[in-house]
Structures are given as C-alpha cells and as structure tokens.
C-alpha cells in the first residue's frame, strides 16, 4: 500500500489540525512536518497548539469529566471494549503507520497495536473490579471501608519509540476509572496521535458521549510545560528521557500534583555458567537490535561469565552478521532506521566515546549509505567489549550499541555490575541454576522494576505492572494494580449505632 493510500485509510489528510477535543479539530500554533525515517519522504503537516488552544482543551475536558465520572464503571468498560474492536479493524493500517512514521519493523508495529488491543481487553475486565477494602472498626456499631473515585483530568506525554501503545496503557485504564485524558504525542510521531484520536472519536460519537473524554494536543515541549504546571490536571504521566522526567516531576511536584514517570533504561542481561546459550543469544540479539535499539527496555549491557565469554562473543559476531537492515515495512528485514539524524549523531558520539574509554569494537557499527538508505538514518548495530565502569556504559544511548562485559566469581558479582548504573528499568538473567535465579529475584538481587529469568529485557506483557526504579522514575503502568494511580482513595466510616463512641477510647462528655 502506498503512503498516500495508507494515510487515507486512517482518514489522515496532507494537512491536519493537531488539536482535538473529539469531533472538533483545531490548532493555531506552528506546524510540524512529519517525515518518514525510512526514506525521508514527507507524510503530512500537523498544526500545533497555542496557549489559547490548550485552555480550550482543558475546559472541554473538565466539562466532560463532570459527566463521564457518573457513568458506571462497567459501562465505561463497554466503551473501551468498542475501542478495542475498532483497533482490531484497523490493526494492519495503524501498525503500518507506526512503522512508517517512527521506523520500527512492521512486525513490531503490528505488535504495538496488539498491545493496545490487549490493554483494552484487560481494562474491560478491570472495569468490574475497581475494588476497595473493608476493615473492622474498634468502635461498636461502626463500619469502615475504603473506596476509589475518579481522579479527574489525566495528562499523558508519550515518546516516539512507542507512539501509540503507551498512550493506550494510560487511557484504557484512566477511562474505566472515570477519568478523561489529554494527550501530548511525541512531535516526532504526530500522525500516530491523530490516527488514534480519530479512532476513539468515532467510538465516542457512536455512543453519544461528550466532547473532551479524549483530547489531543500536538506541540513541542511547551505543551508538556503547560500540562505539568496546570493544577486542573491532577496526574501527569510522562514517558521519555530522565532529563525530561525530572523537569516534569519538579513542575508537577511544585503544585503537589501526582506524576507517573517512565524514563530511561540501561538494561542488562546476565549470562551465568549454567545458562542455555541458545536462549541467551536469541534474547540478547533481539533485545539489542529490536526497534533499532530504541526501546526503553532494549538490552544495552551483556554481562557474561568468563567461562562462556569467548563462546558468546564468537556466536554474537556470527549472529550479527545475519542481521538484515533496511525498509522496516519489508518483513524480511530485522532492523530499520533510527528516528532521525540527531539520533544518528548521538549514536556516533557514543561509539567514539566508548573507544576513547578503552572499548574494543567487535562489530564496528557506523552509518549506512547508498541505495535504499537515502534517509541518512540507517546505522549498523555495534558490539563493544568494554569495562563495566566506563562512563559511557553508565549512560543510556538510544541506539543499537551492545556493551559486552566479562565477570568472574559468583552471580552476586554480576548482579553488582548490573545494579551500579543509575537506571533501574528491566533486567534479565539466563541461568538454569535455581540458586542463581532466586538470588537474582531476591531483595538483594536485581534493583530493577522488571526482573526476568530465561527471557530477555525486552517484550513485557500488559498483565504485569510496567516500570522501573531509580532514575527510571518509579512509575507503574499497564497491568496488576497500576490502575490505582488514576484514582483517589477515600476511607469511609459509618456509625449505625445510637451512640457516638470516640476512637482510642477518648472520653468527651458534656
């Protein structure tokens, strides 16, 4: 399907309004031109929000919340179910758009839309399980319980690497909780935001629901600033760099709001003496090159016991020699381009820094030029042998660079190397040794929010809460009880006696 026909199938025009409260589309700010990193081709132009536009969006969302919160949660779940069906109908087209606009492989683009469908299914069931607790009161004739209420307006700031899935993780849960959402997509993938907004708008319109339940606000970092500083938005969920997250946290915290932060990852796979090397190699290669190394859960460090080090090194080099790079819409290719030339520069700078800090290239890396690579965003995956303490290893580079690190001694030594970085998102150990695996999962083991055994760092399922610790931000999205952050907790005590006994046995007579 041509680019033009693909955009037409999703009702996207060459010139799009980038601000929406539902069926109303507007935008009086500057424009963003979306180009595909695959071939540099122009896709469409999107207008951004002005301060006046943003104010209009917030006011409309407030009005919608006043109605939406009164809709019973299971009925809100029914709307999310219909949205999931709409995604099923448009999975192929939306998956292609994800690949076209941000450059990940078509299989990964389709997988991202499947994540959206899965979280909708999860949220539908959850809409009948937004439970609290009952507690026994120390006072006779009293009952205590706690319940959860809708929070209000939820601001969502998403990153380019998962331009649709992360939004859906937040909105599907927030909607069934009774909240309304205002989404700022990445300015590097504005069309994905436009497409999703049009799909949910059609569902809301078919159910005669008010404007403002789902809002879209395209723009640059200033939109995130307005959102973070607005006291009418009690929760801001932000996905992106640690630098961005710290800025959002400071602004939201200054007004005592809530923030849900999903920030950088510097993830490691540990390969122990008892590892299945076939599993280890498959996990490491996909983790390192999937999405061209632009996942927050991408494998950055491979920590290998000295007994397997030379074997792993040899097999890695051989595996990388089979990686096919090119148009990600071609299912034969494993790896597409980086998002833009700025990302290429960061990749090249990291390679130079690694060599300056004692790194030795097993796979050199570098830019790819020539026929079929006209966008200047294609690079080779690189493998660098390096000491774990090198400065470049301590920082995340959003690119397909894998640092190969040797360790000796027990698994505790490998875990110490893994934990020494400032980020704490995803981690993995490949081992058939029960003691090693359980040590890795213990409270003195991995310090990451995600810890896997015999699978890689990348590819989380929506059923578990997703997020990390330290400079990853501490937020949790998606499964388990992540829904609770989208609601406010309330404790209730009911006196059904004819007396008024006080807690703690306090006497107060008059």
Protein backbone atom coordinates (compact mmCIF):
# COMPACT_ATOMS: atom_id res chain seq x y z
CA UNK A 1 0.00 0.00 0.00
CA UNK A 2 1.36 3.45 -0.91
CA UNK A 3 1.97 6.04 1.80
CA UNK A 4 -0.90 8.15 0.47
CA UNK A 5 -3.38 5.28 0.49
CA UNK A 6 -2.28 4.22 3.94
CA UNK A 7 -2.92 7.68 5.35
CA UNK A 8 -6.24 7.88 3.54
CA UNK A 9 -7.32 4.56 5.05
CA UNK A 10 -6.85 6.12 8.50
CA UNK A 11 -8.61 9.34 7.44
CA UNK A 12 -5.39 11.40 7.69
CA UNK A 13 -5.08 14.37 5.34
CA UNK A 14 -1.90 16.02 3.98
CA UNK A 15 -2.66 19.00 6.23
CA UNK A 16 -4.10 18.07 9.62
CA UNK A 17 -5.30 20.01 12.63
CA UNK A 18 -3.25 18.69 15.52
CA UNK A 19 -5.50 19.64 18.43
CA UNK A 20 -8.76 17.89 19.18
CA UNK A 21 -11.38 17.54 21.87
CA UNK A 22 -13.20 14.83 19.95
CA UNK A 23 -15.08 15.70 16.80
CA UNK A 24 -13.72 19.27 16.92
CA UNK A 25 -10.27 19.73 15.37
CA UNK A 26 -8.30 22.97 15.52
CA UNK A 27 -4.84 24.37 16.23
CA UNK A 28 -3.45 27.86 15.85
CA UNK A 29 0.20 27.21 16.67
CA UNK A 30 3.11 26.36 14.39
CA UNK A 31 3.16 23.32 12.15
CA UNK A 32 5.04 20.02 12.44
CA UNK A 33 6.04 18.29 9.23
CA UNK A 34 6.13 14.52 9.61
CA UNK A 35 8.76 12.74 7.52
CA UNK A 36 9.37 9.00 7.47
CA UNK A 37 12.82 7.97 8.71
CA UNK A 38 12.59 5.07 6.26
CA UNK A 39 13.17 7.17 3.14
CA UNK A 40 12.84 10.78 4.27
CA UNK A 41 9.55 11.20 2.42
CA UNK A 42 7.05 13.85 3.52
CA UNK A 43 3.93 12.32 5.06
CA UNK A 44 1.76 15.17 6.31
CA UNK A 45 1.75 18.51 8.12
CA UNK A 46 0.15 18.93 11.55
CA UNK A 47 -0.73 22.18 13.33
CA UNK A 48 0.24 22.54 16.98
CA UNK A 49 -1.49 24.07 19.98
CA UNK A 50 -1.30 27.64 21.17
CA UNK A 51 -1.90 28.57 24.81
CA UNK A 52 -5.44 29.54 23.84
CA UNK A 53 -5.98 26.12 22.22
CA UNK A 54 -4.66 24.38 25.32
CA UNK A 55 -7.02 26.34 27.55
CA UNK A 56 -9.94 25.35 25.34
CA UNK A 57 -8.95 21.69 25.59
CA UNK A 58 -8.70 21.76 29.39
CA UNK A 59 -12.04 23.49 29.78
CA UNK A 60 -13.72 20.96 27.48
CA UNK A 61 -12.10 18.07 29.34
CA UNK A 62 -13.32 19.44 32.68
CA UNK A 63 -16.87 19.60 31.35
CA UNK A 64 -16.62 16.04 30.01
CA UNK A 65 -15.30 14.73 33.33
CA UNK A 66 -18.35 16.08 35.14
CA UNK A 67 -20.48 13.70 33.05
CA UNK A 68 -18.10 10.79 32.42
CA UNK A 69 -17.41 10.14 36.12
CA UNK A 70 -21.13 9.49 36.67
CA UNK A 71 -21.23 6.71 34.08
CA UNK A 72 -20.98 3.31 35.88
CA UNK A 73 -17.54 1.76 35.54
CA UNK A 74 -18.76 -1.36 33.66
CA UNK A 75 -20.44 0.91 31.11
CA UNK A 76 -17.19 2.84 30.76
CA UNK A 77 -15.60 -0.55 30.17
CA UNK A 78 -18.04 -1.15 27.34
CA UNK A 79 -16.72 1.96 25.56
CA UNK A 80 -13.16 0.68 25.95
CA UNK A 81 -14.31 -2.69 24.58
CA UNK A 82 -15.66 -0.96 21.49
CA UNK A 83 -12.39 0.93 21.11
CA UNK A 84 -10.54 -2.38 21.25
CA UNK A 85 -12.73 -3.67 18.43
CA UNK A 86 -12.03 -0.51 16.43
CA UNK A 87 -8.32 -1.20 16.85
CA UNK A 88 -8.80 -4.77 15.64
CA UNK A 89 -10.48 -3.44 12.50
CA UNK A 90 -7.60 -1.04 11.86
CA UNK A 91 -4.67 -3.08 13.20
CA UNK A 92 -2.95 -3.55 9.85
CA UNK A 93 -3.18 0.10 8.83
CA UNK A 94 -2.25 1.53 12.24
CA UNK A 95 0.65 -0.91 12.58
CA UNK A 96 1.94 0.17 9.17
CA UNK A 97 1.65 3.83 10.19
CA UNK A 98 3.69 3.19 13.34
CA UNK A 99 6.42 1.59 11.22
CA UNK A 100 6.24 4.29 8.58
CA UNK A 101 6.41 7.25 10.95
CA UNK A 102 8.93 6.01 13.53
CA UNK A 103 10.83 3.32 11.67
CA UNK A 104 10.34 0.11 13.67
CA UNK A 105 9.79 -3.15 11.82
CA UNK A 106 6.31 -3.95 10.60
CA UNK A 107 6.10 -6.93 12.96
CA UNK A 108 6.88 -4.61 15.87
CA UNK A 109 4.40 -2.02 14.60
CA UNK A 110 1.67 -4.63 14.47
CA UNK A 111 2.77 -5.90 17.88
CA UNK A 112 2.40 -2.42 19.31
CA UNK A 113 -1.20 -2.21 18.11
CA UNK A 114 -1.79 -5.67 19.57
CA UNK A 115 -0.62 -4.27 22.91
CA UNK A 116 -3.32 -1.62 22.58
CA UNK A 117 -5.92 -4.31 21.96
CA UNK A 118 -4.66 -6.36 24.90
CA UNK A 119 -4.79 -3.45 27.34
CA UNK A 120 -8.34 -2.69 26.22
CA UNK A 121 -9.32 -6.30 26.98
CA UNK A 122 -7.59 -6.06 30.34
CA UNK A 123 -9.35 -2.79 31.15
CA UNK A 124 -12.78 -4.15 30.24
CA UNK A 125 -12.48 -6.87 32.87
CA UNK A 126 -10.97 -4.43 35.33
CA UNK A 127 -13.97 -2.13 34.99
CA UNK A 128 -15.90 -4.60 37.19
CA UNK A 129 -13.07 -4.97 39.72
CA UNK A 130 -12.21 -1.47 40.92
CA UNK A 131 -12.37 -2.76 44.46
CA UNK A 132 -11.57 -1.28 47.85
CA UNK A 133 -11.27 -2.96 51.26
CA UNK A 134 -13.42 -3.37 54.34
CA UNK A 135 -11.89 -3.06 57.80
CA UNK A 136 -13.17 -3.79 61.31
CA UNK A 137 -13.77 -0.75 63.46
CA UNK A 138 -12.72 -0.64 67.11
CA UNK A 139 -15.96 1.21 67.86
CA UNK A 140 -19.18 -0.80 68.31
CA UNK A 141 -21.86 -0.16 65.72
CA UNK A 142 -19.39 1.20 63.19
CA UNK A 143 -18.26 0.02 59.79
CA UNK A 144 -15.12 1.06 57.94
CA UNK A 145 -14.19 0.65 54.32
CA UNK A 146 -12.18 2.33 51.58
CA UNK A 147 -13.17 3.04 48.01
CA UNK A 148 -11.66 4.58 44.90
CA UNK A 149 -13.05 7.55 42.96
CA UNK A 150 -12.11 9.04 39.58
CA UNK A 151 -9.17 11.41 39.79
CA UNK A 152 -10.13 13.87 37.04
CA UNK A 153 -8.02 15.01 34.11
CA UNK A 154 -5.01 12.86 33.21
CA UNK A 155 -2.24 14.41 31.14
CA UNK A 156 -0.22 11.98 29.01
CA UNK A 157 3.18 12.79 27.48
CA UNK A 158 4.40 9.95 25.26
CA UNK A 159 7.65 9.23 23.43
CA UNK A 160 8.32 8.47 19.75
CA UNK A 161 9.52 4.89 20.25
CA UNK A 162 6.09 3.56 21.25
CA UNK A 163 3.92 6.23 19.66
CA UNK A 164 0.56 4.53 20.32
CA UNK A 165 0.91 1.73 22.89
CA UNK A 166 1.99 3.82 25.89
CA UNK A 167 -0.91 6.21 25.33
CA UNK A 168 -3.31 3.28 25.34
CA UNK A 169 -1.80 1.85 28.55
CA UNK A 170 -2.77 5.09 30.25
CA UNK A 171 -6.06 5.89 28.57
CA UNK A 172 -7.64 2.44 28.72
CA UNK A 173 -7.13 2.35 32.49
CA UNK A 174 -7.88 6.03 33.08
CA UNK A 175 -11.13 5.83 31.12
CA UNK A 176 -12.52 2.85 33.02
CA UNK A 177 -11.53 4.64 36.24
CA UNK A 178 -13.76 7.54 35.17
CA UNK A 179 -11.02 9.98 34.14
CA UNK A 180 -10.67 11.96 30.94
CA UNK A 181 -7.36 12.22 29.09
CA UNK A 182 -5.30 14.93 27.40
CA UNK A 183 -2.53 13.50 25.23
CA UNK A 184 0.62 15.19 24.00
CA UNK A 185 2.18 12.77 21.48
CA UNK A 186 5.83 12.99 20.52
CA UNK A 187 6.43 15.73 17.96
CA UNK A 188 8.42 13.05 16.08
CA UNK A 189 5.28 10.94 15.52
CA UNK A 190 2.30 13.32 15.38
CA UNK A 191 0.32 11.34 12.80
CA UNK A 192 0.09 8.33 15.10
CA UNK A 193 -1.62 10.60 17.62
CA UNK A 194 -4.01 11.97 15.00
CA UNK A 195 -4.93 8.45 13.85
CA UNK A 196 -5.65 7.20 17.38
CA UNK A 197 -7.72 10.27 18.23
CA UNK A 198 -9.85 9.77 15.13
CA UNK A 199 -10.48 6.13 16.04
CA UNK A 200 -11.59 6.83 19.61
CA UNK A 201 -13.60 9.85 18.47
CA UNK A 202 -15.69 7.62 16.21
CA UNK A 203 -16.45 5.33 19.16
CA UNK A 204 -17.43 8.21 21.45
CA UNK A 205 -19.61 9.76 18.76
CA UNK A 206 -21.40 6.47 18.11
CA UNK A 207 -22.27 6.34 21.83
CA UNK A 208 -23.38 10.00 22.08
CA UNK A 209 -20.71 10.78 24.66
CA UNK A 210 -19.47 14.31 25.30
CA UNK A 211 -16.50 16.08 23.76
CA UNK A 212 -13.40 16.03 25.91
CA UNK A 213 -13.20 12.43 27.14
CA UNK A 214 -10.24 12.02 24.81
CA UNK A 215 -8.22 15.08 23.84
CA UNK A 216 -5.16 15.51 21.62
CA UNK A 217 -2.66 18.37 21.92
CA UNK A 218 0.21 18.25 19.46
CA UNK A 219 3.17 20.52 20.10
CA UNK A 220 6.68 20.83 21.43
CA UNK A 221 8.00 20.80 25.00
CA UNK A 222 5.98 23.91 25.86
CA UNK A 223 2.79 21.80 25.81
CA UNK A 224 4.34 19.47 28.38
CA UNK A 225 5.21 22.52 30.49
CA UNK A 226 1.63 23.83 30.39
CA UNK A 227 0.33 20.41 31.31
CA UNK A 228 2.80 19.94 34.16
CA UNK A 229 2.05 23.33 35.70
CA UNK A 230 -1.75 23.18 35.38
CA UNK A 231 -3.42 22.49 38.75
CA UNK A 232 -6.55 21.29 36.94
CA UNK A 233 -4.62 18.20 35.79
CA UNK A 234 -4.05 16.16 38.96
CA UNK A 235 -1.97 13.45 37.26
CA UNK A 236 0.67 13.76 34.55
CA UNK A 237 2.01 10.53 33.06
CA UNK A 238 5.28 11.14 31.22
CA UNK A 239 7.36 8.70 29.19
CA UNK A 240 10.75 9.71 27.85
CA UNK A 241 14.24 10.69 28.95
CA UNK A 242 15.33 11.03 32.56
CA UNK A 243 16.08 14.71 31.91
CA UNK A 244 12.52 15.33 30.72
CA UNK A 245 11.07 13.34 33.60
CA UNK A 246 12.97 15.32 36.22
CA UNK A 247 11.62 18.54 34.72
CA UNK A 248 8.04 17.22 34.72
CA UNK A 249 8.37 15.88 38.28
CA UNK A 250 9.66 19.23 39.55
CA UNK A 251 6.81 21.20 37.98
CA UNK A 252 4.07 18.76 38.99
CA UNK A 253 5.54 18.36 42.47
CA UNK A 254 5.69 22.12 42.98
CA UNK A 255 1.88 22.16 42.89
CA UNK A 256 1.61 18.89 44.84
CA UNK A 257 0.22 17.03 41.85
CA UNK A 258 0.87 13.37 41.01
CA UNK A 259 3.28 12.19 38.34
CA UNK A 260 3.70 8.78 36.76
CA UNK A 261 7.19 8.61 35.29
CA UNK A 262 8.51 6.01 32.82
CA UNK A 263 12.02 7.19 31.99
CA UNK A 264 15.39 5.86 30.85
CA UNK A 265 16.61 2.29 30.98
CA UNK A 266 20.15 0.92 30.86
CA UNK A 267 19.24 -2.73 30.85
CA UNK A 268 21.46 -5.77 31.26
CA UNK A 269 21.30 -9.48 30.55
CA UNK A 270 23.43 -11.68 32.80
CA UNK A 271 24.69 -14.95 31.31
CA UNK A 272 25.87 -17.36 34.02
CA UNK A 273 27.85 -20.61 33.76
CA UNK A 274 24.56 -22.57 33.85
CA UNK A 275 22.94 -20.62 31.01
CA UNK A 276 21.26 -22.09 27.96
CA UNK A 277 23.31 -20.22 25.35
CA UNK A 278 20.73 -20.65 22.59
CA UNK A 279 18.18 -18.78 24.71
CA UNK A 280 20.80 -16.26 25.81
CA UNK A 281 21.87 -15.37 22.26
CA UNK A 282 18.34 -15.03 20.96
CA UNK A 283 17.33 -12.82 23.88
CA UNK A 284 20.42 -10.65 23.61
CA UNK A 285 20.24 -10.07 19.86
CA UNK A 286 16.54 -9.19 19.81
CA UNK A 287 16.94 -7.05 22.92
CA UNK A 288 19.84 -5.12 21.41
CA UNK A 289 18.63 -4.55 17.83
CA UNK A 290 14.81 -4.60 18.18
CA UNK A 291 13.36 -1.19 17.27
CA UNK A 292 16.95 -0.31 16.30
CA UNK A 293 17.85 -0.20 19.99
CA UNK A 294 15.22 2.47 20.67
CA UNK A 295 13.17 0.67 23.31
CA UNK A 296 13.36 1.77 26.91
CA UNK A 297 13.80 -1.96 27.62
CA UNK A 298 16.48 -2.52 24.97
CA UNK A 299 19.48 -4.57 26.07
CA UNK A 300 22.44 -2.23 26.50
CA UNK A 301 24.81 -4.45 28.52
CA UNK A 302 25.58 -8.15 28.22
CA UNK A 303 27.32 -9.38 31.39
CA UNK A 304 28.84 -12.78 30.63
CA UNK A 305 30.66 -15.17 32.94
CA UNK A 306 34.26 -15.73 31.85
CA UNK A 307 33.58 -19.45 31.26
CA UNK A 308 31.20 -18.57 28.40
CA UNK A 309 32.69 -15.25 27.34
CA UNK A 310 34.66 -16.34 24.28
CA UNK A 311 31.88 -18.62 23.06
CA UNK A 312 29.25 -15.91 23.46
CA UNK A 313 31.49 -13.40 21.71
CA UNK A 314 32.01 -15.70 18.74
CA UNK A 315 28.32 -16.53 18.43
CA UNK A 316 27.26 -12.90 18.79
CA UNK A 317 29.51 -11.81 15.95
CA UNK A 318 28.11 -14.59 13.78
CA UNK A 319 24.50 -13.69 14.66
CA UNK A 320 25.04 -10.00 13.93
CA UNK A 321 26.40 -10.97 10.53
CA UNK A 322 22.94 -12.31 9.69
CA UNK A 323 21.01 -9.19 10.72
CA UNK A 324 19.21 -7.67 7.73
CA UNK A 325 18.87 -3.88 7.77
CA UNK A 326 16.55 -1.90 5.52
CA UNK A 327 12.98 -0.80 4.94
CA UNK A 328 11.12 -1.93 8.09
CA UNK A 329 7.94 -2.41 6.08
CA UNK A 330 9.72 -5.29 4.35
CA UNK A 331 9.14 -8.29 6.62
CA UNK A 332 12.48 -9.77 5.57
CA UNK A 333 14.41 -7.08 7.42
CA UNK A 334 15.22 -7.28 11.13
CA UNK A 335 16.15 -3.65 11.71
CA UNK A 336 15.05 -0.33 10.32
CA UNK A 337 16.39 3.21 10.81
CA UNK A 338 16.90 5.40 13.84
CA UNK A 339 14.23 8.05 14.31
CA UNK A 340 16.25 10.99 12.89
CA UNK A 341 19.72 12.34 12.18
CA UNK A 342 20.05 13.71 15.73
CA UNK A 343 19.75 10.12 16.98
CA UNK A 344 22.43 9.08 14.46
CA UNK A 345 24.77 11.76 15.83
CA UNK A 346 24.22 10.56 19.40
CA UNK A 347 24.95 7.00 18.27
CA UNK A 348 28.20 8.03 16.55
CA UNK A 349 29.28 10.12 19.54
CA UNK A 350 28.69 7.15 21.86
CA UNK A 351 30.82 4.89 19.67
CA UNK A 352 33.64 7.43 19.71
CA UNK A 353 33.38 7.85 23.48
CA UNK A 354 33.44 4.09 24.02
CA UNK A 355 36.68 3.75 22.06
CA UNK A 356 38.22 6.69 23.91
CA UNK A 357 37.33 4.96 27.20
CA UNK A 358 39.08 1.73 26.32
CA UNK A 359 36.37 -0.06 24.38
CA UNK A 360 37.24 -2.50 21.62
CA UNK A 361 34.82 -2.90 18.72
CA UNK A 362 33.82 -6.45 17.88
CA UNK A 363 31.27 -5.10 15.40
CA UNK A 364 32.32 -1.61 14.32
CA UNK A 365 28.97 -0.05 13.64
CA UNK A 366 28.65 3.22 11.71
CA UNK A 367 26.28 4.85 9.25
CA UNK A 368 24.90 3.02 6.24
CA UNK A 369 24.75 4.95 2.99
CA UNK A 370 23.84 4.21 -0.58
CA UNK A 371 20.84 3.00 -2.49
CA UNK A 372 17.91 2.18 -0.21
CA UNK A 373 19.35 4.20 2.67
CA UNK A 374 18.65 7.73 1.43
CA UNK A 375 17.16 9.00 4.69
CA UNK A 376 20.60 9.06 6.41
CA UNK A 377 19.01 7.44 9.48
CA UNK A 378 20.31 3.90 8.98
CA UNK A 379 23.14 2.57 11.13
CA UNK A 380 24.82 -0.74 11.79
CA UNK A 381 24.38 -2.47 15.15
CA UNK A 382 27.61 -2.32 17.15
CA UNK A 383 29.17 -4.55 19.81
CA UNK A 384 31.84 -3.08 22.08
CA UNK A 385 33.99 -5.00 24.56
CA UNK A 386 34.47 -2.64 27.48
CA UNK A 387 34.95 -2.40 31.23
CA UNK A 388 31.71 -2.06 33.15
CA UNK A 389 32.93 1.06 34.95
CA UNK A 390 33.43 3.16 31.80
CA UNK A 391 31.40 6.39 31.86
CA UNK A 392 29.69 5.65 28.55
CA UNK A 393 28.38 2.35 29.93
CA UNK A 394 26.76 4.16 32.83
CA UNK A 395 24.61 6.22 30.46
CA UNK A 396 21.84 5.17 28.12
CA UNK A 397 22.33 5.65 24.39
CA UNK A 398 19.10 5.17 22.44
CA UNK A 399 20.70 3.17 19.64
CA UNK A 400 21.79 -0.39 18.75
CA UNK A 401 25.02 -0.44 20.77
CA UNK A 402 25.66 -3.51 22.94
CA UNK A 403 28.39 -3.39 25.57
CA UNK A 404 29.97 -6.79 26.19
CA UNK A 405 31.24 -7.20 29.75
CA UNK A 406 33.00 -10.14 31.41
CA UNK A 407 32.60 -11.16 35.04
CA UNK A 408 34.09 -13.85 37.24
CA UNK A 409 33.12 -15.42 40.54
CA UNK A 410 29.55 -15.88 41.74
CA UNK A 411 26.32 -14.42 40.45
CA UNK A 412 26.45 -11.73 43.14
CA UNK A 413 29.35 -10.15 41.24
CA UNK A 414 27.28 -9.96 38.06
CA UNK A 415 24.30 -8.50 39.93
CA UNK A 416 26.56 -5.84 41.47
CA UNK A 417 27.72 -4.81 37.99
CA UNK A 418 24.14 -4.74 36.74
CA UNK A 419 22.91 -2.60 39.63
CA UNK A 420 25.69 0.01 39.53
CA UNK A 421 24.03 2.17 36.86
CA UNK A 422 21.61 4.97 37.78
CA UNK A 423 18.70 3.50 35.82
CA UNK A 424 16.58 0.59 37.01
CA UNK A 425 14.01 -0.49 34.44
CA UNK A 426 14.47 -4.01 33.06
CA UNK A 427 16.91 -6.82 33.85
CA UNK A 428 17.40 -10.44 32.94
CA UNK A 429 19.38 -13.49 33.98
CA UNK A 430 19.89 -16.54 31.78
CA UNK A 431 20.51 -19.49 34.08
CA UNK A 432 19.20 -22.98 34.80
CA UNK A 433 20.63 -22.76 38.30
CA UNK A 434 17.81 -22.31 40.82
CA UNK A 435 20.02 -20.61 43.40
CA UNK A 436 21.31 -18.09 40.86
CA UNK A 437 17.81 -17.33 39.60
CA UNK A 438 16.33 -16.91 43.06
CA UNK A 439 19.26 -14.76 44.20
CA UNK A 440 18.66 -12.52 41.18
CA UNK A 441 14.97 -12.20 42.14
CA UNK A 442 15.59 -11.69 45.85
CA UNK A 443 15.53 -8.34 47.65
CA UNK A 444 19.33 -8.29 47.50
CA UNK A 445 19.27 -9.13 43.79
CA UNK A 446 18.20 -7.04 40.82
CA UNK A 447 17.20 -3.49 41.77
CA UNK A 448 15.07 -3.04 38.65
CA UNK A 449 11.32 -2.78 38.35
CA UNK A 450 11.36 -5.72 35.93
CA UNK A 451 13.48 -8.81 36.58
CA UNK A 452 13.26 -11.76 34.18
CA UNK A 453 14.65 -15.30 34.21
CA UNK A 454 15.49 -17.02 30.93
CA UNK A 455 13.92 -14.34 28.78
CA UNK A 456 15.38 -11.02 27.64
CA UNK A 457 14.90 -7.49 28.90
CA UNK A 458 12.52 -6.51 26.12
CA UNK A 459 8.93 -7.54 25.45
CA UNK A 460 6.83 -7.07 28.58
CA UNK A 461 3.24 -8.34 28.68
CA UNK A 462 0.41 -5.99 29.67
CA UNK A 463 -0.76 -8.20 32.55
CA UNK A 464 2.11 -7.13 34.80
CA UNK A 465 2.76 -3.62 36.05
CA UNK A 466 5.42 -1.99 33.86
CA UNK A 467 8.03 0.42 35.22
CA UNK A 468 11.32 0.87 36.97
CA UNK A 469 13.20 2.33 39.89
CA UNK A 470 15.95 4.91 40.48
CA UNK A 471 16.26 7.29 37.52
CA UNK A 472 13.64 5.30 35.62
CA UNK A 473 11.16 7.24 37.74
CA UNK A 474 9.29 4.71 39.89
CA UNK A 475 6.04 4.79 37.89
CA UNK A 476 3.90 1.76 37.07
CA UNK A 477 1.65 1.41 34.04
CA UNK A 478 -0.44 -1.29 32.40
CA UNK A 479 -1.30 -4.39 34.45
CA UNK A 480 -1.61 -5.59 38.04
CA UNK A 481 -2.89 -2.76 40.29
CA UNK A 482 -1.42 0.09 38.22
CA UNK A 483 -4.99 1.39 37.89
CA UNK A 484 -4.85 2.81 41.40
CA UNK A 485 -2.75 5.82 40.41
CA UNK A 486 -5.58 7.02 38.17
CA UNK A 487 -7.97 7.20 41.14
CA UNK A 488 -8.18 8.90 44.51
CA UNK A 489 -8.53 6.74 47.60
CA UNK A 490 -11.16 7.51 50.23
CA UNK A 491 -11.62 5.93 53.66
CA UNK A 492 -15.20 5.84 54.98
CA UNK A 493 -16.51 5.23 58.49
CA UNK A 494 -20.23 4.74 59.08
CA UNK A 495 -21.85 4.88 62.50
CA UNK A 496 -25.07 2.87 62.56
CA UNK A 497 -25.41 2.90 66.37
CA UNK A 498 -27.40 5.29 68.54
CA UNK A 499 -24.27 6.47 70.36
CA UNK A 500 -21.08 8.35 69.45
CA UNK A 501 -18.09 6.46 70.88
CA UNK A 502 -14.74 8.05 70.02
CA UNK A 503 -11.69 6.25 68.68
CA UNK A 504 -8.85 5.30 71.01
CA UNK A 505 -11.37 5.24 73.89
CA UNK A 506 -11.28 9.03 74.29
CA UNK A 507 -13.93 10.39 76.66
CA UNK A 508 -15.57 13.68 75.74
CA UNK A 509 -18.73 14.26 77.77
CA UNK A 510 -20.69 17.45 78.34
